[in-house]
C-alpha atoms as a PDB file:
ATOM      1  CA  MET A   1      38.327  39.850 101.830  1.00  0.00           C
ATOM      2  CA  TYR A   2      42.045  39.716 102.543  1.00  0.00           C
ATOM      3  CA  HIS A   3      44.102  36.683 101.210  1.00  0.00           C
ATOM      4  CA  PHE A   4      47.336  37.202 102.857  1.00  0.00           C
ATOM      5  CA  ASN A   5      50.577  35.843 101.402  1.00  0.00           C
ATOM      6  CA  ILE A   6      51.570  33.056 103.681  1.00  0.00           C
ATOM      7  CA  ARG A   7      55.249  33.418 102.670  1.00  0.00           C
ATOM      8  CA  ALA A   8      55.100  37.138 103.740  1.00  0.00           C
ATOM      9  CA  LEU A   9      53.660  36.076 107.067  1.00  0.00           C
ATOM     10  CA  GLU A  10      56.359  33.494 107.528  1.00  0.00           C
ATOM     11  CA  TYR A  11      58.948  36.396 107.032  1.00  0.00           C
ATOM     12  CA  LEU A  12      57.103  38.565 109.546  1.00  0.00           C
ATOM     13  CA  ASN A  13      57.210  35.753 112.041  1.00  0.00           C
ATOM     14  CA  SER A  14      60.909  35.203 111.438  1.00  0.00           C
ATOM     15  CA  ILE A  15      61.641  38.984 112.065  1.00  0.00           C
ATOM     16  CA  SER A  16      59.672  38.756 115.261  1.00  0.00           C
ATOM     17  CA  ARG A  17      61.485  35.642 116.358  1.00  0.00           C
ATOM     18  CA  TYR A  18      65.044  36.649 115.543  1.00  0.00           C
ATOM     19  CA  GLY A  19      64.745  40.474 116.165  1.00  0.00           C
ATOM     20  CA  SER A  20      66.238  41.726 112.843  1.00  0.00           C
ATOM     21  CA  LEU A  21      66.098  41.409 109.108  1.00  0.00           C
ATOM     22  CA  ARG A  22      69.629  40.259 108.841  1.00  0.00           C
ATOM     23  CA  LYS A  23      69.136  37.314 111.348  1.00  0.00           C
ATOM     24  CA  ALA A  24      65.815  36.356 109.805  1.00  0.00           C
ATOM     25  CA  SER A  25      67.506  36.379 106.433  1.00  0.00           C
ATOM     26  CA  LYS A  26      70.297  34.069 107.588  1.00  0.00           C
ATOM     27  CA  MET A  27      68.066  31.680 109.536  1.00  0.00           C
ATOM     28  CA  MET A  28      65.676  31.237 106.563  1.00  0.00           C
ATOM     29  CA  ASN A  29      68.351  31.293 103.969  1.00  0.00           C
ATOM     30  CA  VAL A  30      66.566  33.950 101.985  1.00  0.00           C
ATOM     31  CA  ASP A  31      67.978  37.159 100.577  1.00  0.00           C
ATOM     32  CA  PRO A  32      67.169  40.275 102.698  1.00  0.00           C
ATOM     33  CA  ALA A  33      65.911  42.078  99.666  1.00  0.00           C
ATOM     34  CA  THR A  34      63.322  39.387  99.065  1.00  0.00           C
ATOM     35  CA  ILE A  35      62.013  39.522 102.558  1.00  0.00           C
ATOM     36  CA  SER A  36      61.929  43.323 102.409  1.00  0.00           C
ATOM     37  CA  ARG A  37      60.054  43.210  99.115  1.00  0.00           C
ATOM     38  CA  MET A  38      57.457  40.758 100.307  1.00  0.00           C
ATOM     39  CA  LEU A  39      56.849  42.743 103.476  1.00  0.00           C
ATOM     40  CA  THR A  40      56.397  45.914 101.505  1.00  0.00           C
ATOM     41  CA  GLN A  41      53.693  44.076  99.324  1.00  0.00           C
ATOM     42  CA  LEU A  42      51.993  43.016 102.564  1.00  0.00           C
ATOM     43  CA  GLU A  43      51.990  46.633 103.885  1.00  0.00           C
ATOM     44  CA  GLU A  44      50.513  47.843 100.567  1.00  0.00           C
ATOM     45  CA  GLN A  45      47.752  45.235 100.987  1.00  0.00           C
ATOM     46  CA  VAL A  46      46.757  46.139 104.558  1.00  0.00           C
ATOM     47  CA  GLU A  47      47.645  49.863 104.050  1.00  0.00           C
ATOM     48  CA  VAL A  48      49.474  50.167 107.225  1.00  0.00           C
ATOM     49  CA  PRO A  49      53.238  49.566 108.324  1.00  0.00           C
ATOM     50  CA  VAL A  50      53.745  46.018 109.640  1.00  0.00           C
ATOM     51  CA  TRP A  51      57.373  46.392 110.849  1.00  0.00           C
ATOM     52  CA  GLU A  52      60.010  48.970 111.401  1.00  0.00           C
ATOM     53  CA  ARG A  53      63.746  49.100 111.370  1.00  0.00           C
ATOM     54  CA  LEU A  54      65.584  49.970 114.490  1.00  0.00           C
ATOM     55  CA  GLN A  55      69.263  50.916 115.089  1.00  0.00           C
ATOM     56  CA  ASN A  56      69.888  47.537 116.545  1.00  0.00           C
ATOM     57  CA  GLY A  57      67.433  45.361 114.717  1.00  0.00           C
ATOM     58  CA  ALA A  58      63.669  45.407 113.852  1.00  0.00           C
ATOM     59  CA  LYS A  59      60.307  45.139 115.520  1.00  0.00           C
ATOM     60  CA  LEU A  60      56.737  44.621 114.503  1.00  0.00           C
ATOM     61  CA  THR A  61      54.094  47.400 114.623  1.00  0.00           C
ATOM     62  CA  GLU A  62      50.755  46.923 116.201  1.00  0.00           C
ATOM     63  CA  ALA A  63      49.422  45.890 112.945  1.00  0.00           C
ATOM     64  CA  GLY A  64      52.330  43.499 112.417  1.00  0.00           C
ATOM     65  CA  VAL A  65      51.571  41.835 115.806  1.00  0.00           C
ATOM     66  CA  GLU A  66      47.929  41.507 114.803  1.00  0.00           C
ATOM     67  CA  LEU A  67      48.961  39.763 111.456  1.00  0.00           C
ATOM     68  CA  LEU A  68      51.502  37.625 113.480  1.00  0.00           C
ATOM     69  CA  ASN A  69      48.696  36.380 115.819  1.00  0.00           C
ATOM     70  CA  PHE A  70      46.666  35.622 112.833  1.00  0.00           C
ATOM     71  CA  PHE A  71      49.483  33.640 111.254  1.00  0.00           C
ATOM     72  CA  ARG A  72      50.229  31.602 114.382  1.00  0.00           C
ATOM     73  CA  SER A  73      46.664  30.852 115.053  1.00  0.00           C
ATOM     74  CA  THR A  74      46.192  29.705 111.499  1.00  0.00           C
ATOM     75  CA  LEU A  75      49.120  27.419 111.904  1.00  0.00           C
ATOM     76  CA  ALA A  76      47.683  25.952 115.075  1.00  0.00           C
ATOM     77  CA  HIS A  77      44.357  25.451 113.545  1.00  0.00           C
ATOM     78  CA  GLU A  78      45.792  23.828 110.495  1.00  0.00           C
ATOM     79  CA  ALA A  79      47.742  21.450 112.826  1.00  0.00           C
ATOM     80  CA  ALA A  80      44.784  20.519 114.700  1.00  0.00           C
ATOM     81  CA  VAL A  81      42.726  19.883 111.591  1.00  0.00           C
ATOM     82  CA  TYR A  82      45.555  17.703 110.245  1.00  0.00           C
ATOM     83  CA  SER A  83      45.628  15.810 113.556  1.00  0.00           C
ATOM     84  CA  ARG A  84      41.894  15.210 113.429  1.00  0.00           C
ATOM     85  CA  LEU A  85      42.043  14.048 109.758  1.00  0.00           C
ATOM     86  CA  HIS A  86      44.900  11.707 110.737  1.00  0.00           C
ATOM     87  CA  ASP A  87      42.853  10.348 113.594  1.00  0.00           C
ATOM     88  CA  MET A  88      39.963   9.723 111.419  1.00  0.00           C
ATOM     89  CA  LYS A  89      42.173   7.795 109.044  1.00  0.00           C
ATOM     90  CA  ALA A  90      43.755   5.893 111.870  1.00  0.00           C
ATOM     91  CA  LEU A  91      40.469   4.849 113.496  1.00  0.00           C
ATOM     92  CA  LYS A  92      39.420   3.147 110.190  1.00  0.00           C
ATOM     93  CA  TYR A  93      41.497   0.071 111.085  1.00  0.00           C
ATOM     94  CA  GLY A  94      43.554  -1.504 113.809  1.00  0.00           C
ATOM     95  CA  LYS A  95      43.236  -3.838 116.755  1.00  0.00           C
ATOM     96  CA  VAL A  96      42.675  -3.549 120.416  1.00  0.00           C
ATOM     97  CA  SER A  97      43.417  -6.322 122.994  1.00  0.00           C
ATOM     98  CA  ILE A  98      41.961  -6.187 126.460  1.00  0.00           C
ATOM     99  CA  ALA A  99      41.414  -8.444 129.459  1.00  0.00           C
ATOM    100  CA  VAL A 100      38.363  -8.273 131.647  1.00  0.00           C
ATOM    101  CA  GLY A 101      37.016 -10.033 134.619  1.00  0.00           C
ATOM    102  CA  GLU A 102      34.120 -12.390 133.837  1.00  0.00           C
ATOM    103  CA  GLY A 103      31.781 -10.266 135.978  1.00  0.00           C
ATOM    104  CA  PHE A 104      32.133  -7.401 133.490  1.00  0.00           C
ATOM    105  CA  ILE A 105      31.369  -9.348 130.342  1.00  0.00           C
ATOM    106  CA  ALA A 106      27.497  -8.821 130.301  1.00  0.00           C
ATOM    107  CA  ASP A 107      27.866  -5.165 130.899  1.00  0.00           C
ATOM    108  CA  LEU A 108      30.527  -4.714 128.249  1.00  0.00           C
ATOM    109  CA  ILE A 109      29.152  -7.086 125.573  1.00  0.00           C
ATOM    110  CA  SER A 110      25.660  -5.545 125.398  1.00  0.00           C
ATOM    111  CA  LYS A 111      25.261  -1.942 124.263  1.00  0.00           C
ATOM    112  CA  PRO A 112      28.836  -0.515 124.681  1.00  0.00           C
ATOM    113  CA  MET A 113      30.524  -3.031 122.408  1.00  0.00           C
ATOM    114  CA  GLN A 114      27.796  -3.082 119.994  1.00  0.00           C
ATOM    115  CA  HIS A 115      27.821   0.655 119.550  1.00  0.00           C
ATOM    116  CA  PHE A 116      31.599   0.693 119.282  1.00  0.00           C
ATOM    117  CA  MET A 117      31.761  -2.039 116.560  1.00  0.00           C
ATOM    118  CA  THR A 118      29.070  -0.127 114.691  1.00  0.00           C
ATOM    119  CA  GLN A 119      30.881   3.156 114.930  1.00  0.00           C
ATOM    120  CA  TYR A 120      34.287   1.659 114.141  1.00  0.00           C
ATOM    121  CA  PRO A 121      33.792  -1.362 111.942  1.00  0.00           C
ATOM    122  CA  GLY A 122      37.340  -1.596 110.879  1.00  0.00           C
ATOM    123  CA  ILE A 123      38.755  -1.973 114.443  1.00  0.00           C
ATOM    124  CA  GLU A 124      39.243  -5.606 115.484  1.00  0.00           C
ATOM    125  CA  LEU A 125      38.571  -6.282 119.160  1.00  0.00           C
ATOM    126  CA  SER A 126      40.205  -9.066 121.152  1.00  0.00           C
ATOM    127  CA  ILE A 127      38.749  -9.623 124.622  1.00  0.00           C
ATOM    128  CA  GLU A 128      40.116 -12.204 127.095  1.00  0.00           C
ATOM    129  CA  THR A 129      38.460 -13.115 130.312  1.00  0.00           C
ATOM    130  CA  ALA A 130      40.960 -13.068 133.243  1.00  0.00           C
ATOM    131  CA  GLY A 131      40.910 -12.693 136.960  1.00  0.00           C
ATOM    132  CA  ALA A 132      42.665  -9.704 138.537  1.00  0.00           C
ATOM    133  CA  ALA A 133      45.981 -11.482 138.938  1.00  0.00           C
ATOM    134  CA  ASP A 134      46.038 -13.005 135.458  1.00  0.00           C
ATOM    135  CA  ALA A 135      45.021  -9.686 133.903  1.00  0.00           C
ATOM    136  CA  ILE A 136      47.904  -7.923 135.553  1.00  0.00           C
ATOM    137  CA  GLN A 137      50.347 -10.729 134.264  1.00  0.00           C
ATOM    138  CA  LEU A 138      48.911 -10.079 130.772  1.00  0.00           C
ATOM    139  CA  LEU A 139      49.661  -6.315 131.040  1.00  0.00           C
ATOM    140  CA  GLU A 140      53.233  -6.991 132.286  1.00  0.00           C
ATOM    141  CA  ASP A 141      53.757  -9.500 129.376  1.00  0.00           C
ATOM    142  CA  GLN A 142      52.440  -6.795 126.973  1.00  0.00           C
ATOM    143  CA  GLN A 143      49.920  -9.155 125.659  1.00  0.00           C
ATOM    144  CA  ILE A 144      47.067  -6.700 125.975  1.00  0.00           C
ATOM    145  CA  ASP A 145      46.486  -2.991 125.701  1.00  0.00           C
ATOM    146  CA  PHE A 146      44.569  -2.483 128.848  1.00  0.00           C
ATOM    147  CA  ALA A 147      42.588  -4.381 131.501  1.00  0.00           C
ATOM    148  CA  VAL A 148      39.252  -3.896 133.356  1.00  0.00           C
ATOM    149  CA  THR A 149      39.788  -5.482 136.788  1.00  0.00           C
ATOM    150  CA  TYR A 150      37.926  -5.872 140.012  1.00  0.00           C
ATOM    151  CA  ALA A 151      39.549  -5.375 143.397  1.00  0.00           C
ATOM    152  CA  SER A 152      43.126  -5.852 141.792  1.00  0.00           C
ATOM    153  CA  ALA A 153      46.082  -5.417 144.197  1.00  0.00           C
ATOM    154  CA  PRO A 154      48.105  -2.309 143.818  1.00  0.00           C
ATOM    155  CA  HIS A 155      50.988  -2.688 141.326  1.00  0.00           C
ATOM    156  CA  PRO A 156      53.879  -0.082 140.814  1.00  0.00           C
ATOM    157  CA  LYS A 157      54.100  -0.803 137.039  1.00  0.00           C
ATOM    158  CA  LEU A 158      50.501  -0.013 136.286  1.00  0.00           C
ATOM    159  CA  ARG A 159      48.574   3.198 135.575  1.00  0.00           C
ATOM    160  CA  THR A 160      45.001   3.464 136.826  1.00  0.00           C
ATOM    161  CA  HIS A 161      42.916   5.432 134.266  1.00  0.00           C
ATOM    162  CA  ILE A 162      39.619   5.268 136.293  1.00  0.00           C
ATOM    163  CA  GLU A 163      38.308   3.491 139.290  1.00  0.00           C
ATOM    164  CA  ARG A 164      34.755   3.200 140.522  1.00  0.00           C
ATOM    165  CA  SER A 165      33.430   1.905 143.873  1.00  0.00           C
ATOM    166  CA  HIS A 166      31.540  -1.395 143.667  1.00  0.00           C
ATOM    167  CA  PRO A 167      31.440  -3.122 147.076  1.00  0.00           C
ATOM    168  CA  LEU A 168      31.123  -6.802 147.463  1.00  0.00           C
ATOM    169  CA  ASP A 169      27.593  -7.732 148.572  1.00  0.00           C
ATOM    170  CA  ILE A 170      26.120 -11.040 149.978  1.00  0.00           C
ATOM    171  CA  ILE A 171      23.922 -12.518 147.205  1.00  0.00           C
ATOM    172  CA  VAL A 172      21.160 -14.880 148.391  1.00  0.00           C
ATOM    173  CA  PRO A 173      18.222 -16.825 146.627  1.00  0.00           C
ATOM    174  CA  LYS A 174      14.962 -15.066 146.619  1.00  0.00           C
ATOM    175  CA  GLY A 175      13.303 -15.291 150.025  1.00  0.00           C
ATOM    176  CA  HIS A 176      16.298 -16.667 151.766  1.00  0.00           C
ATOM    177  CA  GLU A 177      16.244 -16.517 155.545  1.00  0.00           C
ATOM    178  CA  LEU A 178      19.077 -14.010 155.788  1.00  0.00           C
ATOM    179  CA  ILE A 179      16.764 -11.421 154.187  1.00  0.00           C
ATOM    180  CA  HIS A 180      14.817 -11.348 157.334  1.00  0.00           C
ATOM    181  CA  ARG A 181      17.640 -10.571 159.729  1.00  0.00           C
ATOM    182  CA  PRO A 182      17.817  -7.002 160.722  1.00  0.00           C
ATOM    183  CA  THR A 183      21.555  -6.838 160.227  1.00  0.00           C
ATOM    184  CA  ILE A 184      24.492  -8.989 159.482  1.00  0.00           C
ATOM    185  CA  GLU A 185      27.177  -8.119 161.971  1.00  0.00           C
ATOM    186  CA  SER A 186      30.156 -10.152 160.634  1.00  0.00           C
ATOM    187  CA  ILE A 187      31.142 -12.756 158.161  1.00  0.00           C
ATOM    188  CA  GLN A 188      30.590 -15.209 160.875  1.00  0.00           C
ATOM    189  CA  ASP A 189      26.885 -14.770 160.382  1.00  0.00           C
ATOM    190  CA  ILE A 190      27.009 -16.619 156.980  1.00  0.00           C
ATOM    191  CA  VAL A 191      29.417 -19.495 157.835  1.00  0.00           C
ATOM    192  CA  HIS A 192      26.503 -21.981 158.527  1.00  0.00           C
ATOM    193  CA  PHE A 193      24.889 -21.497 155.029  1.00  0.00           C
ATOM    194  CA  PRO A 194      25.837 -23.333 151.971  1.00  0.00           C
ATOM    195  CA  LEU A 195      28.397 -21.053 150.217  1.00  0.00           C
ATOM    196  CA  ALA A 196      29.947 -20.780 146.872  1.00  0.00           C
ATOM    197  CA  LEU A 197      33.215 -18.891 146.627  1.00  0.00           C
ATOM    198  CA  ILE A 198      35.390 -17.855 143.598  1.00  0.00           C
ATOM    199  CA  ASP A 199      39.100 -18.652 143.101  1.00  0.00           C
ATOM    200  CA  GLY A 200      41.614 -16.607 145.050  1.00  0.00           C
ATOM    201  CA  SER A 201      43.329 -15.398 141.877  1.00  0.00           C
ATOM    202  CA  THR A 202      40.378 -13.192 141.235  1.00  0.00           C
ATOM    203  CA  GLY A 203      39.774  -9.747 142.918  1.00  0.00           C
ATOM    204  CA  MET A 204      36.697 -11.090 144.762  1.00  0.00           C
ATOM    205  CA  GLY A 205      38.473 -14.174 145.922  1.00  0.00           C
ATOM    206  CA  ARG A 206      41.353 -12.043 147.254  1.00  0.00           C
ATOM    207  CA  LEU A 207      39.071  -9.727 149.232  1.00  0.00           C
ATOM    208  CA  VAL A 208      37.208 -12.741 150.788  1.00  0.00           C
ATOM    209  CA  LYS A 209      40.561 -14.161 151.955  1.00  0.00           C
ATOM    210  CA  ILE A 210      41.537 -10.911 153.446  1.00  0.00           C
ATOM    211  CA  GLU A 211      38.200 -10.598 155.299  1.00  0.00           C
ATOM    212  CA  GLU A 212      38.633 -14.162 156.605  1.00  0.00           C
ATOM    213  CA  GLN A 213      41.968 -13.301 157.987  1.00  0.00           C
ATOM    214  CA  LEU A 214      40.804 -10.040 159.666  1.00  0.00           C
ATOM    215  CA  SER A 215      37.710 -11.696 161.136  1.00  0.00           C
ATOM    216  CA  HIS A 216      39.563 -14.930 162.188  1.00  0.00           C
ATOM    217  CA  VAL A 217      36.958 -17.011 160.310  1.00  0.00           C
ATOM    218  CA  ASN A 218      37.560 -19.924 157.989  1.00  0.00           C
ATOM    219  CA  LEU A 219      34.826 -20.211 155.341  1.00  0.00           C
ATOM    220  CA  THR A 220      34.301 -23.764 154.032  1.00  0.00           C
ATOM    221  CA  PRO A 221      32.470 -23.369 150.582  1.00  0.00           C
ATOM    222  CA  LYS A 222      30.282 -26.110 149.217  1.00  0.00           C
ATOM    223  CA  LEU A 223      31.437 -24.986 145.714  1.00  0.00           C
ATOM    224  CA  ASN A 224      34.904 -23.555 144.710  1.00  0.00           C
ATOM    225  CA  THR A 225      34.966 -22.256 141.115  1.00  0.00           C
ATOM    226  CA  ASN A 226      36.717 -19.803 138.899  1.00  0.00           C
ATOM    227  CA  SER A 227      33.450 -18.919 137.215  1.00  0.00           C
ATOM    228  CA  VAL A 228      31.167 -16.079 137.948  1.00  0.00           C
ATOM    229  CA  SER A 229      28.443 -17.851 135.987  1.00  0.00           C
ATOM    230  CA  ALA A 230      28.846 -20.864 138.255  1.00  0.00           C
ATOM    231  CA  LEU A 231      28.389 -18.645 141.281  1.00  0.00           C
ATOM    232  CA  THR A 232      25.306 -17.045 139.906  1.00  0.00           C
ATOM    233  CA  SER A 233      23.754 -20.373 138.901  1.00  0.00           C
ATOM    234  CA  PHE A 234      24.456 -21.693 142.397  1.00  0.00           C
ATOM    235  CA  VAL A 235      22.456 -18.932 143.928  1.00  0.00           C
ATOM    236  CA  THR A 236      19.554 -18.888 141.430  1.00  0.00           C
ATOM    237  CA  ALA A 237      19.121 -22.537 141.767  1.00  0.00           C
ATOM    238  CA  GLY A 238      18.593 -22.075 145.476  1.00  0.00           C
ATOM    239  CA  LEU A 239      21.683 -24.078 146.451  1.00  0.00           C
ATOM    240  CA  GLY A 240      23.137 -21.456 148.716  1.00  0.00           C
ATOM    241  CA  ILE A 241      24.771 -18.032 148.884  1.00  0.00           C
ATOM    242  CA  THR A 242      27.852 -16.158 147.526  1.00  0.00           C
ATOM    243  CA  VAL A 243      29.496 -12.743 147.554  1.00  0.00           C
ATOM    244  CA  MET A 244      29.604 -10.551 144.450  1.00  0.00           C
ATOM    245  CA  PRO A 245      29.105  -6.831 143.457  1.00  0.00           C
ATOM    246  CA  ARG A 246      25.518  -6.381 142.804  1.00  0.00           C
ATOM    247  CA  LEU A 247      25.943  -5.102 139.147  1.00  0.00           C
ATOM    248  CA  THR A 248      27.369  -8.501 138.165  1.00  0.00           C
ATOM    249  CA  VAL A 249      23.842 -10.032 138.767  1.00  0.00           C
ATOM    250  CA  ILE A 250      21.614  -7.012 138.177  1.00  0.00           C
ATOM    251  CA  ASP A 251      19.625  -8.895 135.608  1.00  0.00           C
ATOM    252  CA  GLU A 252      18.888 -11.790 138.005  1.00  0.00           C
ATOM    253  CA  ILE A 253      17.941  -9.090 140.767  1.00  0.00           C
ATOM    254  CA  ASP A 254      15.556  -7.286 138.287  1.00  0.00           C
ATOM    255  CA  ASN A 255      13.961 -10.593 137.356  1.00  0.00           C
ATOM    256  CA  GLY A 256      13.391 -11.465 141.094  1.00  0.00           C
ATOM    257  CA  LEU A 257      15.646 -14.565 141.147  1.00  0.00           C
ATOM    258  CA  ILE A 258      17.948 -13.376 143.779  1.00  0.00           C
ATOM    259  CA  GLU A 259      18.415 -10.690 146.490  1.00  0.00           C
ATOM    260  CA  VAL A 260      21.266  -8.635 147.852  1.00  0.00           C
ATOM    261  CA  LEU A 261      22.369  -8.057 151.367  1.00  0.00           C
ATOM    262  CA  SER A 262      24.520  -4.979 151.915  1.00  0.00           C
ATOM    263  CA  TYR A 263      27.152  -6.304 154.343  1.00  0.00           C
ATOM    264  CA  HIS A 264      30.011  -3.996 153.970  1.00  0.00           C
ATOM    265  CA  PRO A 265      33.186  -4.509 156.184  1.00  0.00           C
ATOM    266  CA  ARG A 266      35.789  -2.181 155.204  1.00  0.00           C
ATOM    267  CA  VAL A 267      37.514  -4.625 152.831  1.00  0.00           C
ATOM    268  CA  PHE A 268      34.266  -5.331 150.998  1.00  0.00           C
ATOM    269  CA  ALA A 269      33.257  -1.602 150.908  1.00  0.00           C
ATOM    270  CA  GLU A 270      36.530  -0.356 149.365  1.00  0.00           C
ATOM    271  CA  ALA A 271      36.333  -2.755 146.402  1.00  0.00           C
ATOM    272  CA  LYS A 272      36.726  -1.027 143.137  1.00  0.00           C
ATOM    273  CA  ALA A 273      36.462  -1.714 139.340  1.00  0.00           C
ATOM    274  CA  ARG A 274      39.679  -0.343 137.602  1.00  0.00           C
ATOM    275  CA  VAL A 275      40.852   0.336 134.169  1.00  0.00           C
ATOM    276  CA  LEU A 276      44.595  -0.352 134.154  1.00  0.00           C
ATOM    277  CA  SER A 277      47.388  -0.095 131.627  1.00  0.00           C
ATOM    278  CA  LEU A 278      51.207  -0.427 131.755  1.00  0.00           C
ATOM    279  CA  LYS A 279      52.895   2.816 132.815  1.00  0.00           C
ATOM    280  CA  ASP A 280      55.705   2.786 130.248  1.00  0.00           C
ATOM    281  CA  ARG A 281      53.573   1.615 127.244  1.00  0.00           C
ATOM    282  CA  GLU A 282      51.845   4.267 125.181  1.00  0.00           C
ATOM    283  CA  LEU A 283      48.289   3.310 124.247  1.00  0.00           C
ATOM    284  CA  THR A 284      47.410   3.426 120.680  1.00  0.00           C
ATOM    285  CA  LEU A 285      44.683   5.832 119.453  1.00  0.00           C
ATOM    286  CA  GLN A 286      42.458   2.805 118.869  1.00  0.00           C
ATOM    287  CA  ALA A 287      42.984   1.630 122.501  1.00  0.00           C
ATOM    288  CA  LYS A 288      42.343   5.066 123.968  1.00  0.00           C
ATOM    289  CA  THR A 289      39.139   5.412 121.922  1.00  0.00           C
ATOM    290  CA  PHE A 290      37.823   2.077 123.014  1.00  0.00           C
ATOM    291  CA  MET A 291      38.792   2.711 126.631  1.00  0.00           C
ATOM    292  CA  GLU A 292      36.862   6.045 126.648  1.00  0.00           C
ATOM    293  CA  PHE A 293      33.956   4.431 125.042  1.00  0.00           C
ATOM    294  CA  LEU A 294      33.750   1.765 127.761  1.00  0.00           C
ATOM    295  CA  ILE A 295      34.189   4.331 130.517  1.00  0.00           C
ATOM    296  CA  THR A 296      31.352   6.405 129.039  1.00  0.00           C
ATOM    297  CA  ASN A 297      28.952   3.602 128.296  1.00  0.00           C
ATOM    298  CA  SER A 298      29.362   0.735 130.694  1.00  0.00           C
ATOM    299  CA  ARG A 299      27.580   0.740 134.041  1.00  0.00           C
ATOM    300  CA  PHE A 300      30.522  -0.588 135.962  1.00  0.00           C
ATOM    301  CA  LEU A 301      32.816   2.189 134.763  1.00  0.00           C
ATOM    302  CA  ASN A 302      30.583   5.323 134.308  1.00  0.00           C
ATOM    303  CA  SER A 303      29.424   5.455 137.992  1.00  0.00           C
ATOM    304  CA  ASP A 304      29.769   4.052 141.338  1.00  0.00           C
ATOM    305  CA  ALA A 305      27.453   1.384 142.602  1.00  0.00           C
ATOM    306  CA  PRO A 306      24.220   2.672 144.246  1.00  0.00           C
ATOM    307  CA  ASP A 307      24.373   3.123 148.034  1.00  0.00           C
ATOM    308  CA  VAL A 308      28.111   3.061 148.072  1.00  0.00           C
ATOM    309  CA  PRO A 309      29.477   3.690 151.649  1.00  0.00           C
ATOM    310  CA  VAL A 310      30.618   7.374 152.007  1.00  0.00           C
ATOM    311  CA  ASP A 311      34.237   6.249 152.689  1.00  0.00           C
ATOM    312  CA  ALA A 312      34.431   4.487 149.247  1.00  0.00           C
ATOM    313  CA  LEU A 313      34.285   7.250 146.816  1.00  0.00           C
ATOM    314  CA  LYS A 314      34.822   7.125 143.064  1.00  0.00           C
ATOM    315  CA  LYS A 315      38.069   8.357 141.623  1.00  0.00           C
ATOM    316  CA  ARG A 316      39.077   9.499 138.083  1.00  0.00           C
ATOM    317  CA  VAL A 317      42.827   9.329 137.989  1.00  0.00           C
ATOM    318  CA  ASP A 318      43.666  10.676 134.608  1.00  0.00           C
END
């Protein structure tokens, strides 16, 4: 097995780069005789010429080019291994701060976060619940690394890493009379039922306000709240109806406590869950790793909602 002299390969690389022994000697600050001697020893080892002198410089032989490719690939592999080792070391500690909408909490806190904390026990996680507007403000103030938002408004300073379609649905108690209607034609069809709505600073609240304006309807809720849990409890207690993406209440649906009506005007149909960060702020390795972990393992982020309208497709931006 050959064990090539790395110094000789460096000299060969320099001759290829600078085109002559003299220039290579000057750029490396090494005596030409030393370079020539080392290359002769290399030729004796491989038993073929690796370079040749020309009238106006020098060039590598076919064997020399083969050795040069080996040298450069070795350097690249070495750099890649070093980078991975550095990453392994870096991921042993650190901190990641994010903001998420309350509706995502159950999805994130369950298996995804548990698995991440088991795999990276030295990384400290800070998670703040925030509506879409507040989450964007936290990003602008550089208080967090990234945010998971629902139906956030476009923002020129933010980068979208991924977006998934999760339309707003009408959420009703089990057996509610709306279930028996063949269709819901407009938001006007729900105005006479007791209604709970979330604050307008959230993505859900923003979409409801837009739909009210487009439909020329003024919804008068029995309950105004900034809590997704309060909306869910309002419906499960049989007090009335609300609007939410179905994944937010998937456990209640599976347990037969509530039902979902797919009323999808364009505003509701185009609602998306997004992972956002500040464009001019480089994410740390820890933040990137946690983000990818969430995208891969959380239901909100790894796929679109079932039965998404055809004009509301998922989009991976980066």
